[in-house]
Amino acid sequence: MRLLRAEILQWFGLFAAAIIWSAQLVVGFGLTVARCGAGGMQWGIDLDTWEIVLMIVGVVVALSAEAAALTVFLATRELEHDDPPPAGRQHFFASAAALGDVLFLMSILLSGIAVIVHTPCHQS
């Protein structure tokens, strides 16, 4: 595997799922506030549709990040995490990303499903 390609895959695998999960939370929170706020009720925001779209995009990006991490991990499987850089670093980050991406994937699914199932607007 070429060095530049492996570096790009390594960093994508490490950060993409975390960034898309953060974006899903921020955009989802904004949509919920806009939908449930007194000023946003007239906008007609369909919260479930938006959350489904955010969840699908998040799952696709997280699975792509997992594939990138596993590609680098399998390409460097004969190395140890403390081998000299860049190959040792790539192996270390790819193994960390392979686990982290699964956790972020579950977070994306759980937060998306929770918003869809739960009715967020309760006026007191």
C-alpha atoms as a PDB file:
ATOM      1  CA  MET A   1       0.000   0.000   0.000  1.00  0.00           C
ATOM      2  CA  ARG A   2       1.399   3.377  -0.938  1.00  0.00           C
ATOM      3  CA  LEU A   3       2.457   5.546   1.978  1.00  0.00           C
ATOM      4  CA  LEU A   4       0.250   8.557   1.187  1.00  0.00           C
ATOM      5  CA  ARG A   5      -2.817   6.392   0.590  1.00  0.00           C
ATOM      6  CA  ALA A   6      -2.254   4.581   3.874  1.00  0.00           C
ATOM      7  CA  GLU A   7      -1.864   7.893   5.723  1.00  0.00           C
ATOM      8  CA  ILE A   8      -5.112   9.245   4.303  1.00  0.00           C
ATOM      9  CA  LEU A   9      -6.986   6.041   5.118  1.00  0.00           C
ATOM     10  CA  GLN A  10      -5.479   5.996   8.607  1.00  0.00           C
ATOM     11  CA  TRP A  11      -6.623   9.524   9.455  1.00  0.00           C
ATOM     12  CA  PHE A  12     -10.027   9.056   7.815  1.00  0.00           C
ATOM     13  CA  GLY A  13     -10.538   5.862   9.796  1.00  0.00           C
ATOM     14  CA  LEU A  14      -9.501   7.560  13.013  1.00  0.00           C
ATOM     15  CA  PHE A  15     -11.524  10.786  12.801  1.00  0.00           C
ATOM     16  CA  ALA A  16     -14.430  10.419  10.345  1.00  0.00           C
ATOM     17  CA  ALA A  17     -16.832   8.507  12.601  1.00  0.00           C
ATOM     18  CA  ALA A  18     -16.202  10.843  15.541  1.00  0.00           C
ATOM     19  CA  ILE A  19     -16.755  13.940  13.416  1.00  0.00           C
ATOM     20  CA  ILE A  20     -19.953  12.638  11.812  1.00  0.00           C
ATOM     21  CA  TRP A  21     -21.327  11.578  15.223  1.00  0.00           C
ATOM     22  CA  SER A  22     -20.615  15.071  16.567  1.00  0.00           C
ATOM     23  CA  ALA A  23     -22.276  16.635  13.531  1.00  0.00           C
ATOM     24  CA  GLN A  24     -25.305  14.373  13.949  1.00  0.00           C
ATOM     25  CA  LEU A  25     -25.669  15.447  17.565  1.00  0.00           C
ATOM     26  CA  VAL A  26     -25.298  19.167  16.868  1.00  0.00           C
ATOM     27  CA  VAL A  27     -27.592  19.218  13.831  1.00  0.00           C
ATOM     28  CA  GLY A  28     -30.107  16.928  15.542  1.00  0.00           C
ATOM     29  CA  PHE A  29     -30.161  19.152  18.616  1.00  0.00           C
ATOM     30  CA  GLY A  30     -30.680  22.229  16.453  1.00  0.00           C
ATOM     31  CA  LEU A  31     -33.509  20.550  14.576  1.00  0.00           C
ATOM     32  CA  THR A  32     -35.157  19.483  17.823  1.00  0.00           C
ATOM     33  CA  VAL A  33     -34.938  22.983  19.260  1.00  0.00           C
ATOM     34  CA  ALA A  34     -36.277  24.465  16.025  1.00  0.00           C
ATOM     35  CA  ARG A  35     -39.102  21.933  15.856  1.00  0.00           C
ATOM     36  CA  CYS A  36     -40.119  22.166  19.510  1.00  0.00           C
ATOM     37  CA  GLY A  37     -39.571  25.878  20.094  1.00  0.00           C
ATOM     38  CA  ALA A  38     -42.494  28.253  19.960  1.00  0.00           C
ATOM     39  CA  GLY A  39     -40.984  30.131  17.024  1.00  0.00           C
ATOM     40  CA  GLY A  40     -40.168  27.012  15.011  1.00  0.00           C
ATOM     41  CA  MET A  41     -43.505  25.218  15.284  1.00  0.00           C
ATOM     42  CA  GLN A  42     -44.823  26.996  12.180  1.00  0.00           C
ATOM     43  CA  TRP A  43     -41.850  25.901  10.049  1.00  0.00           C
ATOM     44  CA  GLY A  44     -43.231  22.393   9.700  1.00  0.00           C
ATOM     45  CA  ILE A  45     -39.935  20.588  10.319  1.00  0.00           C
ATOM     46  CA  ASP A  46     -40.411  16.827  10.049  1.00  0.00           C
ATOM     47  CA  LEU A  47     -38.005  15.774  12.779  1.00  0.00           C
ATOM     48  CA  ASP A  48     -38.255  12.031  12.110  1.00  0.00           C
ATOM     49  CA  THR A  49     -37.336  12.423   8.444  1.00  0.00           C
ATOM     50  CA  TRP A  50     -34.346  14.618   9.263  1.00  0.00           C
ATOM     51  CA  GLU A  51     -33.147  12.239  11.964  1.00  0.00           C
ATOM     52  CA  ILE A  52     -33.430   9.251   9.630  1.00  0.00           C
ATOM     53  CA  VAL A  53     -31.382  11.094   7.004  1.00  0.00           C
ATOM     54  CA  LEU A  54     -28.777  12.117   9.597  1.00  0.00           C
ATOM     55  CA  MET A  55     -28.612   8.567  10.900  1.00  0.00           C
ATOM     56  CA  ILE A  56     -28.205   7.027   7.435  1.00  0.00           C
ATOM     57  CA  VAL A  57     -25.456   9.485   6.491  1.00  0.00           C
ATOM     58  CA  GLY A  58     -23.758   8.835   9.822  1.00  0.00           C
ATOM     59  CA  VAL A  59     -23.908   5.065   9.391  1.00  0.00           C
ATOM     60  CA  VAL A  60     -22.495   5.248   5.857  1.00  0.00           C
ATOM     61  CA  VAL A  61     -19.589   7.463   6.940  1.00  0.00           C
ATOM     62  CA  ALA A  62     -18.894   5.361  10.052  1.00  0.00           C
ATOM     63  CA  LEU A  63     -18.882   2.138   8.028  1.00  0.00           C
ATOM     64  CA  SER A  64     -16.560   3.769   5.486  1.00  0.00           C
ATOM     65  CA  ALA A  65     -14.250   4.821   8.303  1.00  0.00           C
ATOM     66  CA  GLU A  66     -14.299   1.279   9.682  1.00  0.00           C
ATOM     67  CA  ALA A  67     -13.435  -0.109   6.253  1.00  0.00           C
ATOM     68  CA  ALA A  68     -10.551   2.364   5.945  1.00  0.00           C
ATOM     69  CA  ALA A  69      -9.242   1.450   9.400  1.00  0.00           C
ATOM     70  CA  LEU A  70      -9.464  -2.268   8.697  1.00  0.00           C
ATOM     71  CA  THR A  71      -7.721  -1.820   5.345  1.00  0.00           C
ATOM     72  CA  VAL A  72      -4.747  -0.148   7.005  1.00  0.00           C
ATOM     73  CA  PHE A  73      -4.802  -2.609   9.903  1.00  0.00           C
ATOM     74  CA  LEU A  74      -4.712  -5.614   7.578  1.00  0.00           C
ATOM     75  CA  ALA A  75      -1.986  -4.034   5.436  1.00  0.00           C
ATOM     76  CA  THR A  76       0.182  -3.527   8.535  1.00  0.00           C
ATOM     77  CA  ARG A  77      -0.793  -6.662  10.481  1.00  0.00           C
ATOM     78  CA  GLU A  78       2.777  -7.989  10.527  1.00  0.00           C
ATOM     79  CA  LEU A  79       3.942  -4.890  12.416  1.00  0.00           C
ATOM     80  CA  GLU A  80       3.751  -4.017  16.081  1.00  0.00           C
ATOM     81  CA  HIS A  81       2.276  -0.764  17.371  1.00  0.00           C
ATOM     82  CA  ASP A  82       5.681   0.355  18.641  1.00  0.00           C
ATOM     83  CA  ASP A  83       7.547  -0.234  15.357  1.00  0.00           C
ATOM     84  CA  PRO A  84       9.233   2.804  13.790  1.00  0.00           C
ATOM     85  CA  PRO A  85       7.036   5.376  12.076  1.00  0.00           C
ATOM     86  CA  PRO A  86       5.179   5.682   9.801  1.00  0.00           C
ATOM     87  CA  ALA A  87       4.194   1.998   9.566  1.00  0.00           C
ATOM     88  CA  GLY A  88       4.099   1.402  13.320  1.00  0.00           C
ATOM     89  CA  ARG A  89       2.020   4.528  13.859  1.00  0.00           C
ATOM     90  CA  GLN A  90      -0.371   3.502  11.101  1.00  0.00           C
ATOM     91  CA  HIS A  91      -0.849   0.099  12.690  1.00  0.00           C
ATOM     92  CA  PHE A  92      -1.452   1.638  16.120  1.00  0.00           C
ATOM     93  CA  PHE A  93      -3.956   4.235  14.907  1.00  0.00           C
ATOM     94  CA  ALA A  94      -5.727   1.733  12.643  1.00  0.00           C
ATOM     95  CA  SER A  95      -6.227  -0.703  15.507  1.00  0.00           C
ATOM     96  CA  ALA A  96      -7.561   2.085  17.732  1.00  0.00           C
ATOM     97  CA  ALA A  97      -9.829   3.355  14.942  1.00  0.00           C
ATOM     98  CA  ALA A  98     -11.209  -0.129  14.236  1.00  0.00           C
ATOM     99  CA  LEU A  99     -12.526  -0.299  17.792  1.00  0.00           C
ATOM    100  CA  GLY A 100     -13.538   3.361  18.058  1.00  0.00           C
ATOM    101  CA  ASP A 101     -15.502   3.319  14.808  1.00  0.00           C
ATOM    102  CA  VAL A 102     -17.687   0.483  16.089  1.00  0.00           C
ATOM    103  CA  LEU A 103     -18.434   2.485  19.224  1.00  0.00           C
ATOM    104  CA  PHE A 104     -19.273   5.610  17.218  1.00  0.00           C
ATOM    105  CA  LEU A 105     -21.448   3.552  14.866  1.00  0.00           C
ATOM    106  CA  MET A 106     -23.449   2.303  17.835  1.00  0.00           C
ATOM    107  CA  SER A 107     -23.703   5.857  19.212  1.00  0.00           C
ATOM    108  CA  ILE A 108     -25.001   7.117  15.871  1.00  0.00           C
ATOM    109  CA  LEU A 109     -27.623   4.380  15.720  1.00  0.00           C
ATOM    110  CA  LEU A 110     -28.690   4.747  19.337  1.00  0.00           C
ATOM    111  CA  SER A 111     -29.006   8.523  19.269  1.00  0.00           C
ATOM    112  CA  GLY A 112     -30.893   8.476  15.959  1.00  0.00           C
ATOM    113  CA  ILE A 113     -33.292   5.755  17.058  1.00  0.00           C
ATOM    114  CA  ALA A 114     -33.853   7.460  20.410  1.00  0.00           C
ATOM    115  CA  VAL A 115     -34.949  10.711  18.784  1.00  0.00           C
ATOM    116  CA  ILE A 116     -37.229   8.898  16.343  1.00  0.00           C
ATOM    117  CA  VAL A 117     -38.890   6.758  19.023  1.00  0.00           C
ATOM    118  CA  HIS A 118     -39.096   9.420  21.727  1.00  0.00           C
ATOM    119  CA  THR A 119     -41.400  12.404  21.341  1.00  0.00           C
ATOM    120  CA  PRO A 120     -39.104  15.334  22.157  1.00  0.00           C
ATOM    121  CA  CYS A 121     -41.669  18.121  22.410  1.00  0.00           C
ATOM    122  CA  HIS A 122     -43.298  18.355  25.816  1.00  0.00           C
ATOM    123  CA  GLN A 123     -44.689  21.762  26.683  1.00  0.00           C
ATOM    124  CA  SER A 124     -45.347  22.340  30.356  1.00  0.00           C
END
